[in-house]
Amino acid sequence: MLKGYKPCHQLKILSNEHLSDVSFVLKTLRGETGNKRCKTAIPARKLILSISSPVFLKMFHGKMEESSDSIELPDCEHDGLLEMLRYIYTDQANLTSDNVIQVLYLANKYVLNTLAEKCIEYLVNNLETLDAFFILKTAKMSGQKDLEEKCWEVIVTTQRKR
């Protein structure tokens, strides 16, 4: 988190193209039917990303330094990336049922352990029967034993009620 800055200032820094030195480019679906493919760019600061994540540190300042100012991320969604960046800049995340899985994926990918913990906590506290099998798969893939146990608890409890 940027010390001394209010969250509103931090978000202005996040969304300001003039203060950025890197952009993450995502493929998104647009249009009324959601079938048009286009690219969107989310600007960021390499320094802030590098301070927050050892993966970004290696990416921007390691032996195989990324010299491009535009990085394509084919494995990520706009809302998930934006929420991860919000967390990096403000130490706050607005997790929802629509973005939490993507944010968890990105938190694990970029070794943002405290963000991953917040995602797991959100999932455990908001786990519903219909989501349990889907979340169970995610928990197993990311090695989240506590979340996996909670999924099984919800599944077993639901079966007993029938």
N, C-alpha and C. Protein backbone atom coordinates (compact mmCIF):
# COMPACT_ATOMS: atom_id res chain seq x y z
N MET A 1 0.84 -1.17 0.00
CA MET A 1 0.00 0.00 0.00
C MET A 1 0.88 1.24 0.00
N LEU A 2 0.45 2.26 -0.65
CA LEU A 2 1.19 3.51 -0.70
C LEU A 2 0.92 4.29 0.59
N LYS A 3 1.89 4.38 1.45
CA LYS A 3 1.74 5.05 2.73
C LYS A 3 1.57 6.55 2.52
N GLY A 4 0.71 7.15 3.32
CA GLY A 4 0.53 8.59 3.28
C GLY A 4 -0.48 9.07 2.24
N TYR A 5 -0.95 8.19 1.42
CA TYR A 5 -1.94 8.56 0.42
C TYR A 5 -3.29 7.99 0.80
N LYS A 6 -4.34 8.76 0.61
CA LYS A 6 -5.68 8.27 0.85
C LYS A 6 -6.05 7.31 -0.27
N PRO A 7 -6.95 6.34 0.01
CA PRO A 7 -7.33 5.39 -1.04
C PRO A 7 -7.78 6.05 -2.34
N CYS A 8 -8.48 7.19 -2.27
CA CYS A 8 -8.93 7.84 -3.51
C CYS A 8 -7.74 8.31 -4.33
N HIS A 9 -6.66 8.78 -3.67
CA HIS A 9 -5.46 9.19 -4.40
C HIS A 9 -4.77 7.97 -5.01
N GLN A 10 -4.77 6.87 -4.28
CA GLN A 10 -4.13 5.66 -4.78
C GLN A 10 -4.85 5.15 -6.02
N LEU A 11 -6.18 5.23 -6.03
CA LEU A 11 -6.93 4.79 -7.21
C LEU A 11 -6.70 5.72 -8.38
N LYS A 12 -6.50 7.01 -8.12
CA LYS A 12 -6.17 7.93 -9.20
C LYS A 12 -4.82 7.57 -9.82
N ILE A 13 -3.88 7.16 -8.99
CA ILE A 13 -2.59 6.72 -9.49
C ILE A 13 -2.76 5.45 -10.32
N LEU A 14 -3.60 4.52 -9.85
CA LEU A 14 -3.83 3.27 -10.56
C LEU A 14 -4.40 3.49 -11.95
N SER A 15 -5.38 4.35 -12.06
CA SER A 15 -6.07 4.50 -13.34
C SER A 15 -5.49 5.59 -14.23
N ASN A 16 -4.37 6.16 -13.87
CA ASN A 16 -3.79 7.28 -14.61
C ASN A 16 -2.76 6.79 -15.63
N GLU A 17 -3.10 6.88 -16.89
CA GLU A 17 -2.20 6.44 -17.95
C GLU A 17 -0.91 7.25 -17.99
N HIS A 18 -1.00 8.52 -17.62
CA HIS A 18 0.17 9.40 -17.69
C HIS A 18 1.21 9.05 -16.63
N LEU A 19 0.79 8.45 -15.54
CA LEU A 19 1.72 8.08 -14.48
C LEU A 19 2.15 6.61 -14.55
N SER A 20 1.70 5.90 -15.56
CA SER A 20 2.01 4.48 -15.67
C SER A 20 3.23 4.26 -16.57
N ASP A 21 3.89 3.13 -16.35
CA ASP A 21 4.99 2.76 -17.23
C ASP A 21 4.83 1.34 -17.79
N VAL A 22 3.67 0.75 -17.53
CA VAL A 22 3.35 -0.56 -18.08
C VAL A 22 1.83 -0.66 -18.21
N SER A 23 1.37 -1.43 -19.19
CA SER A 23 -0.06 -1.69 -19.35
C SER A 23 -0.27 -3.18 -19.50
N PHE A 24 -1.31 -3.67 -18.85
CA PHE A 24 -1.71 -5.06 -19.01
C PHE A 24 -2.82 -5.09 -20.05
N VAL A 25 -2.62 -5.87 -21.09
CA VAL A 25 -3.57 -5.94 -22.19
C VAL A 25 -4.35 -7.24 -22.07
N LEU A 26 -5.68 -7.10 -22.07
CA LEU A 26 -6.58 -8.23 -21.91
C LEU A 26 -7.51 -8.33 -23.10
N LYS A 27 -7.83 -9.56 -23.46
CA LYS A 27 -8.85 -9.77 -24.48
C LYS A 27 -10.19 -9.83 -23.76
N THR A 28 -11.15 -9.06 -24.23
CA THR A 28 -12.46 -9.03 -23.60
C THR A 28 -13.53 -9.20 -24.66
N LEU A 29 -14.70 -9.61 -24.22
CA LEU A 29 -15.86 -9.71 -25.10
C LEU A 29 -16.69 -8.45 -24.91
N ARG A 30 -17.05 -7.82 -25.99
CA ARG A 30 -17.86 -6.60 -25.94
C ARG A 30 -19.04 -6.74 -26.89
N GLY A 31 -19.87 -5.76 -26.88
CA GLY A 31 -21.02 -5.76 -27.77
C GLY A 31 -22.26 -6.25 -27.06
N GLU A 32 -23.40 -6.03 -27.68
CA GLU A 32 -24.68 -6.39 -27.08
C GLU A 32 -24.79 -7.88 -26.82
N THR A 33 -24.25 -8.68 -27.71
CA THR A 33 -24.35 -10.13 -27.54
C THR A 33 -23.09 -10.70 -26.89
N GLY A 34 -22.12 -9.86 -26.62
CA GLY A 34 -20.89 -10.32 -25.99
C GLY A 34 -20.03 -11.19 -26.88
N ASN A 35 -20.15 -11.00 -28.19
CA ASN A 35 -19.39 -11.85 -29.11
C ASN A 35 -18.28 -11.13 -29.85
N LYS A 36 -18.13 -9.83 -29.64
CA LYS A 36 -17.05 -9.09 -30.29
C LYS A 36 -15.81 -9.14 -29.41
N ARG A 37 -14.71 -9.54 -29.99
CA ARG A 37 -13.45 -9.59 -29.24
C ARG A 37 -12.70 -8.28 -29.43
N CYS A 38 -12.26 -7.71 -28.32
CA CYS A 38 -11.43 -6.53 -28.40
C CYS A 38 -10.43 -6.57 -27.26
N LYS A 39 -9.51 -5.66 -27.28
CA LYS A 39 -8.48 -5.62 -26.25
C LYS A 39 -8.68 -4.37 -25.40
N THR A 40 -8.47 -4.53 -24.11
CA THR A 40 -8.48 -3.39 -23.21
C THR A 40 -7.13 -3.36 -22.48
N ALA A 41 -6.70 -2.19 -22.12
CA ALA A 41 -5.43 -2.02 -21.43
C ALA A 41 -5.67 -1.39 -20.07
N ILE A 42 -5.01 -1.95 -19.08
CA ILE A 42 -5.08 -1.40 -17.73
C ILE A 42 -3.68 -0.91 -17.37
N PRO A 43 -3.52 0.39 -17.15
CA PRO A 43 -2.19 0.94 -16.84
C PRO A 43 -1.78 0.67 -15.39
N ALA A 44 -0.47 0.59 -15.17
CA ALA A 44 0.06 0.36 -13.81
C ALA A 44 1.48 0.90 -13.72
N ARG A 45 2.04 0.83 -12.53
CA ARG A 45 3.42 1.27 -12.26
C ARG A 45 4.27 0.06 -11.90
N LYS A 46 5.35 -0.14 -12.64
CA LYS A 46 6.24 -1.27 -12.38
C LYS A 46 6.79 -1.25 -10.96
N LEU A 47 7.14 -0.07 -10.46
CA LEU A 47 7.71 0.04 -9.12
C LEU A 47 6.73 -0.48 -8.07
N ILE A 48 5.50 -0.05 -8.14
CA ILE A 48 4.49 -0.47 -7.16
C ILE A 48 4.24 -1.97 -7.26
N LEU A 49 4.14 -2.48 -8.48
CA LEU A 49 3.94 -3.91 -8.68
C LEU A 49 5.12 -4.71 -8.15
N SER A 50 6.33 -4.23 -8.39
CA SER A 50 7.55 -4.92 -7.96
C SER A 50 7.68 -4.97 -6.45
N ILE A 51 7.26 -3.92 -5.77
CA ILE A 51 7.32 -3.89 -4.31
C ILE A 51 6.34 -4.90 -3.72
N SER A 52 5.23 -5.14 -4.40
CA SER A 52 4.16 -5.97 -3.87
C SER A 52 4.30 -7.45 -4.16
N SER A 53 4.99 -7.79 -5.22
CA SER A 53 5.02 -9.19 -5.67
C SER A 53 6.42 -9.61 -6.13
N PRO A 54 6.90 -10.74 -5.62
CA PRO A 54 8.20 -11.22 -6.09
C PRO A 54 8.18 -11.62 -7.57
N VAL A 55 7.03 -11.99 -8.06
CA VAL A 55 6.91 -12.34 -9.48
C VAL A 55 7.09 -11.10 -10.34
N PHE A 56 6.41 -10.00 -9.97
CA PHE A 56 6.58 -8.75 -10.70
C PHE A 56 8.00 -8.22 -10.55
N LEU A 57 8.60 -8.39 -9.39
CA LEU A 57 9.98 -7.94 -9.18
C LEU A 57 10.91 -8.64 -10.18
N LYS A 58 10.78 -9.95 -10.31
CA LYS A 58 11.60 -10.70 -11.27
C LYS A 58 11.25 -10.32 -12.70
N MET A 59 9.96 -10.10 -12.95
CA MET A 59 9.52 -9.76 -14.30
C MET A 59 10.10 -8.43 -14.77
N PHE A 60 10.12 -7.46 -13.88
CA PHE A 60 10.54 -6.12 -14.28
C PHE A 60 11.99 -5.78 -13.95
N HIS A 61 12.62 -6.54 -13.04
CA HIS A 61 13.97 -6.19 -12.61
C HIS A 61 14.90 -7.39 -12.50
N GLY A 62 14.50 -8.54 -13.00
CA GLY A 62 15.31 -9.75 -12.91
C GLY A 62 16.18 -9.96 -14.14
N LYS A 63 16.76 -11.15 -14.22
CA LYS A 63 17.65 -11.48 -15.33
C LYS A 63 16.94 -11.45 -16.67
N MET A 64 15.68 -11.88 -16.67
CA MET A 64 14.91 -11.89 -17.92
C MET A 64 13.90 -10.75 -17.90
N GLU A 65 14.37 -9.56 -17.62
CA GLU A 65 13.54 -8.38 -17.45
C GLU A 65 12.63 -8.15 -18.65
N GLU A 66 11.37 -7.88 -18.35
CA GLU A 66 10.37 -7.55 -19.37
C GLU A 66 10.58 -6.10 -19.78
N SER A 67 10.97 -5.89 -21.03
CA SER A 67 11.27 -4.53 -21.47
C SER A 67 10.08 -3.84 -22.13
N SER A 68 9.09 -4.61 -22.47
CA SER A 68 7.92 -4.03 -23.13
C SER A 68 7.08 -3.25 -22.13
N ASP A 69 6.45 -2.21 -22.64
CA ASP A 69 5.56 -1.44 -21.77
C ASP A 69 4.12 -1.93 -21.90
N SER A 70 3.94 -3.04 -22.62
CA SER A 70 2.63 -3.63 -22.80
C SER A 70 2.74 -5.15 -22.62
N ILE A 71 2.00 -5.68 -21.66
CA ILE A 71 2.08 -7.12 -21.35
C ILE A 71 0.71 -7.74 -21.57
N GLU A 72 0.67 -8.73 -22.45
CA GLU A 72 -0.59 -9.43 -22.73
C GLU A 72 -0.81 -10.49 -21.68
N LEU A 73 -2.03 -10.53 -21.15
CA LEU A 73 -2.43 -11.53 -20.15
C LEU A 73 -3.64 -12.29 -20.69
N PRO A 74 -3.40 -13.38 -21.42
CA PRO A 74 -4.52 -14.12 -22.00
C PRO A 74 -5.30 -14.96 -20.98
N ASP A 75 -4.73 -15.16 -19.80
CA ASP A 75 -5.35 -16.04 -18.81
C ASP A 75 -6.08 -15.29 -17.70
N CYS A 76 -6.44 -14.05 -17.96
CA CYS A 76 -7.06 -13.30 -16.88
C CYS A 76 -8.20 -12.44 -17.37
N GLU A 77 -9.10 -12.14 -16.45
CA GLU A 77 -10.28 -11.34 -16.75
C GLU A 77 -10.12 -9.93 -16.22
N HIS A 78 -10.76 -8.99 -16.89
CA HIS A 78 -10.65 -7.57 -16.56
C HIS A 78 -10.96 -7.29 -15.09
N ASP A 79 -12.11 -7.75 -14.61
CA ASP A 79 -12.51 -7.45 -13.23
C ASP A 79 -11.56 -8.06 -12.20
N GLY A 80 -11.08 -9.26 -12.47
CA GLY A 80 -10.14 -9.90 -11.56
C GLY A 80 -8.82 -9.16 -11.48
N LEU A 81 -8.30 -8.76 -12.63
CA LEU A 81 -7.03 -8.02 -12.66
C LEU A 81 -7.19 -6.67 -11.99
N LEU A 82 -8.27 -6.00 -12.29
CA LEU A 82 -8.51 -4.69 -11.69
C LEU A 82 -8.59 -4.79 -10.16
N GLU A 83 -9.22 -5.83 -9.67
CA GLU A 83 -9.33 -6.00 -8.22
C GLU A 83 -7.99 -6.35 -7.59
N MET A 84 -7.18 -7.15 -8.29
CA MET A 84 -5.84 -7.44 -7.79
C MET A 84 -5.01 -6.15 -7.72
N LEU A 85 -5.09 -5.34 -8.76
CA LEU A 85 -4.36 -4.08 -8.77
C LEU A 85 -4.87 -3.13 -7.69
N ARG A 86 -6.18 -3.11 -7.48
CA ARG A 86 -6.74 -2.28 -6.42
C ARG A 86 -6.13 -2.69 -5.07
N TYR A 87 -6.00 -3.99 -4.86
CA TYR A 87 -5.42 -4.48 -3.60
C TYR A 87 -3.95 -4.06 -3.49
N ILE A 88 -3.21 -4.19 -4.56
CA ILE A 88 -1.80 -3.81 -4.55
C ILE A 88 -1.65 -2.33 -4.22
N TYR A 89 -2.50 -1.50 -4.79
CA TYR A 89 -2.39 -0.05 -4.59
C TYR A 89 -2.99 0.43 -3.27
N THR A 90 -4.04 -0.22 -2.78
CA THR A 90 -4.76 0.32 -1.63
C THR A 90 -4.82 -0.61 -0.42
N ASP A 91 -4.40 -1.86 -0.58
CA ASP A 91 -4.48 -2.87 0.48
C ASP A 91 -5.95 -3.21 0.78
N GLN A 92 -6.82 -2.96 -0.17
CA GLN A 92 -8.24 -3.27 -0.04
C GLN A 92 -8.70 -3.97 -1.31
N ALA A 93 -9.62 -4.91 -1.13
CA ALA A 93 -10.18 -5.60 -2.30
C ALA A 93 -11.69 -5.69 -2.13
N ASN A 94 -12.40 -5.43 -3.19
CA ASN A 94 -13.86 -5.56 -3.21
C ASN A 94 -14.18 -6.91 -3.83
N LEU A 95 -14.15 -7.94 -3.01
CA LEU A 95 -14.39 -9.29 -3.51
C LEU A 95 -15.88 -9.54 -3.64
N THR A 96 -16.25 -10.20 -4.74
CA THR A 96 -17.64 -10.58 -4.98
C THR A 96 -17.66 -12.01 -5.48
N SER A 97 -18.84 -12.57 -5.54
CA SER A 97 -18.96 -13.94 -6.05
C SER A 97 -18.55 -14.00 -7.53
N ASP A 98 -18.63 -12.88 -8.23
CA ASP A 98 -18.26 -12.84 -9.65
C ASP A 98 -16.75 -12.74 -9.89
N ASN A 99 -16.00 -12.18 -8.93
CA ASN A 99 -14.58 -11.97 -9.20
C ASN A 99 -13.63 -12.76 -8.31
N VAL A 100 -14.12 -13.36 -7.24
CA VAL A 100 -13.22 -13.93 -6.23
C VAL A 100 -12.36 -15.08 -6.76
N ILE A 101 -12.88 -15.92 -7.62
CA ILE A 101 -12.09 -17.03 -8.16
C ILE A 101 -10.96 -16.50 -9.02
N GLN A 102 -11.24 -15.53 -9.86
CA GLN A 102 -10.21 -14.93 -10.71
C GLN A 102 -9.17 -14.21 -9.86
N VAL A 103 -9.60 -13.49 -8.83
CA VAL A 103 -8.66 -12.78 -7.96
C VAL A 103 -7.79 -13.79 -7.22
N LEU A 104 -8.37 -14.89 -6.76
CA LEU A 104 -7.59 -15.94 -6.09
C LEU A 104 -6.54 -16.52 -7.05
N TYR A 105 -6.94 -16.78 -8.27
CA TYR A 105 -6.01 -17.28 -9.29
C TYR A 105 -4.83 -16.32 -9.47
N LEU A 106 -5.13 -15.04 -9.61
CA LEU A 106 -4.08 -14.04 -9.80
C LEU A 106 -3.23 -13.85 -8.55
N ALA A 107 -3.86 -13.90 -7.39
CA ALA A 107 -3.10 -13.78 -6.13
C ALA A 107 -2.10 -14.92 -6.01
N ASN A 108 -2.50 -16.12 -6.37
CA ASN A 108 -1.58 -17.26 -6.34
C ASN A 108 -0.51 -17.13 -7.42
N LYS A 109 -0.90 -16.71 -8.60
CA LYS A 109 0.03 -16.57 -9.72
C LYS A 109 1.14 -15.56 -9.42
N TYR A 110 0.77 -14.45 -8.78
CA TYR A 110 1.73 -13.38 -8.51
C TYR A 110 2.21 -13.35 -7.06
N VAL A 111 1.95 -14.44 -6.33
CA VAL A 111 2.41 -14.64 -4.95
C VAL A 111 2.03 -13.46 -4.06
N LEU A 112 0.76 -13.16 -4.07
CA LEU A 112 0.20 -12.14 -3.18
C LEU A 112 -0.56 -12.89 -2.08
N ASN A 113 0.19 -13.39 -1.11
CA ASN A 113 -0.35 -14.30 -0.11
C ASN A 113 -1.48 -13.71 0.72
N THR A 114 -1.36 -12.46 1.13
CA THR A 114 -2.42 -11.88 1.96
C THR A 114 -3.71 -11.70 1.15
N LEU A 115 -3.59 -11.40 -0.12
CA LEU A 115 -4.78 -11.31 -0.97
C LEU A 115 -5.40 -12.69 -1.15
N ALA A 116 -4.58 -13.70 -1.34
CA ALA A 116 -5.10 -15.08 -1.46
C ALA A 116 -5.84 -15.46 -0.18
N GLU A 117 -5.30 -15.10 0.97
CA GLU A 117 -5.96 -15.39 2.25
C GLU A 117 -7.32 -14.70 2.33
N LYS A 118 -7.39 -13.46 1.87
CA LYS A 118 -8.67 -12.73 1.87
C LYS A 118 -9.69 -13.42 0.95
N CYS A 119 -9.21 -13.92 -0.18
CA CYS A 119 -10.10 -14.63 -1.10
C CYS A 119 -10.63 -15.92 -0.47
N ILE A 120 -9.74 -16.66 0.17
CA ILE A 120 -10.14 -17.91 0.83
C ILE A 120 -11.16 -17.61 1.93
N GLU A 121 -10.88 -16.59 2.71
CA GLU A 121 -11.80 -16.20 3.78
C GLU A 121 -13.17 -15.83 3.20
N TYR A 122 -13.17 -15.09 2.11
CA TYR A 122 -14.44 -14.73 1.46
C TYR A 122 -15.18 -15.98 1.01
N LEU A 123 -14.46 -16.89 0.37
CA LEU A 123 -15.10 -18.12 -0.13
C LEU A 123 -15.65 -18.97 1.01
N VAL A 124 -14.89 -19.11 2.08
CA VAL A 124 -15.34 -19.90 3.23
C VAL A 124 -16.60 -19.29 3.83
N ASN A 125 -16.62 -17.97 3.98
CA ASN A 125 -17.75 -17.29 4.60
C ASN A 125 -18.98 -17.19 3.70
N ASN A 126 -18.80 -17.34 2.41
CA ASN A 126 -19.91 -17.18 1.48
C ASN A 126 -20.20 -18.42 0.65
N LEU A 127 -19.67 -19.54 1.08
CA LEU A 127 -19.84 -20.78 0.33
C LEU A 127 -21.28 -21.25 0.38
N GLU A 128 -21.84 -21.50 -0.77
CA GLU A 128 -23.20 -22.01 -0.87
C GLU A 128 -23.17 -23.39 -1.50
N THR A 129 -24.22 -24.13 -1.28
CA THR A 129 -24.30 -25.51 -1.74
C THR A 129 -24.05 -25.64 -3.23
N LEU A 130 -24.64 -24.77 -4.01
CA LEU A 130 -24.50 -24.86 -5.47
C LEU A 130 -23.06 -24.60 -5.92
N ASP A 131 -22.32 -23.83 -5.16
CA ASP A 131 -20.95 -23.49 -5.53
C ASP A 131 -19.93 -24.50 -5.02
N ALA A 132 -20.31 -25.33 -4.08
CA ALA A 132 -19.35 -26.16 -3.36
C ALA A 132 -18.50 -27.04 -4.28
N PHE A 133 -19.09 -27.68 -5.26
CA PHE A 133 -18.30 -28.56 -6.14
C PHE A 133 -17.34 -27.76 -7.02
N PHE A 134 -17.79 -26.62 -7.53
CA PHE A 134 -16.91 -25.77 -8.33
C PHE A 134 -15.75 -25.23 -7.49
N ILE A 135 -16.07 -24.74 -6.30
CA ILE A 135 -15.04 -24.20 -5.41
C ILE A 135 -14.11 -25.30 -4.95
N LEU A 136 -14.63 -26.51 -4.74
CA LEU A 136 -13.80 -27.64 -4.34
C LEU A 136 -12.70 -27.90 -5.36
N LYS A 137 -13.05 -27.85 -6.63
CA LYS A 137 -12.06 -28.04 -7.69
C LYS A 137 -10.98 -26.96 -7.61
N THR A 138 -11.40 -25.71 -7.44
CA THR A 138 -10.46 -24.60 -7.32
C THR A 138 -9.57 -24.77 -6.09
N ALA A 139 -10.16 -25.18 -4.98
CA ALA A 139 -9.40 -25.38 -3.74
C ALA A 139 -8.34 -26.46 -3.90
N LYS A 140 -8.70 -27.55 -4.56
CA LYS A 140 -7.73 -28.64 -4.79
C LYS A 140 -6.60 -28.19 -5.70
N MET A 141 -6.94 -27.46 -6.76
CA MET A 141 -5.92 -27.00 -7.71
C MET A 141 -4.95 -26.01 -7.08
N SER A 142 -5.44 -25.20 -6.14
CA SER A 142 -4.57 -24.19 -5.54
C SER A 142 -4.01 -24.63 -4.19
N GLY A 143 -4.29 -25.88 -3.77
CA GLY A 143 -3.73 -26.40 -2.54
C GLY A 143 -4.27 -25.76 -1.27
N GLN A 144 -5.51 -25.28 -1.32
CA GLN A 144 -6.12 -24.61 -0.18
C GLN A 144 -6.90 -25.63 0.64
N LYS A 145 -6.23 -26.27 1.59
CA LYS A 145 -6.82 -27.35 2.40
C LYS A 145 -8.02 -26.88 3.23
N ASP A 146 -7.93 -25.70 3.84
CA ASP A 146 -9.04 -25.20 4.67
C ASP A 146 -10.30 -25.01 3.83
N LEU A 147 -10.13 -24.45 2.66
CA LEU A 147 -11.28 -24.23 1.78
C LEU A 147 -11.83 -25.57 1.29
N GLU A 148 -10.95 -26.50 0.99
CA GLU A 148 -11.37 -27.83 0.55
C GLU A 148 -12.21 -28.51 1.64
N GLU A 149 -11.75 -28.41 2.88
CA GLU A 149 -12.50 -29.00 4.00
C GLU A 149 -13.87 -28.34 4.15
N LYS A 150 -13.94 -27.03 3.99
CA LYS A 150 -15.21 -26.31 4.10
C LYS A 150 -16.16 -26.75 2.99
N CYS A 151 -15.65 -26.96 1.79
CA CYS A 151 -16.48 -27.43 0.69
C CYS A 151 -17.08 -28.79 1.02
N TRP A 152 -16.25 -29.70 1.50
CA TRP A 152 -16.75 -31.03 1.87
C TRP A 152 -17.78 -30.94 2.98
N GLU A 153 -17.56 -30.05 3.92
CA GLU A 153 -18.50 -29.86 5.02
C GLU A 153 -19.87 -29.42 4.48
N VAL A 154 -19.87 -28.48 3.55
CA VAL A 154 -21.12 -28.01 2.96
C VAL A 154 -21.79 -29.11 2.15
N ILE A 155 -21.01 -29.86 1.40
CA ILE A 155 -21.56 -30.95 0.58
C ILE A 155 -22.18 -32.03 1.46
N VAL A 156 -21.47 -32.45 2.50
CA VAL A 156 -21.97 -33.49 3.40
C VAL A 156 -23.22 -33.02 4.14
N THR A 157 -23.19 -31.78 4.62
CA THR A 157 -24.34 -31.22 5.34
C THR A 157 -25.57 -31.18 4.43
N THR A 158 -25.38 -30.81 3.19
CA THR A 158 -26.49 -30.75 2.24
C THR A 158 -27.05 -32.14 1.99
N GLN A 159 -26.18 -33.13 1.85
CA GLN A 159 -26.64 -34.51 1.62
C GLN A 159 -27.42 -35.05 2.81
N ARG A 160 -27.02 -34.70 4.02
CA ARG A 160 -27.71 -35.18 5.23
C ARG A 160 -29.10 -34.59 5.33
N LYS A 161 -29.28 -33.36 4.85
CA LYS A 161 -30.58 -32.70 4.92
C LYS A 161 -31.60 -33.33 3.98
N ARG A 162 -31.14 -34.02 2.99
CA ARG A 162 -32.05 -34.61 1.99
C ARG A 162 -32.68 -35.83 2.52
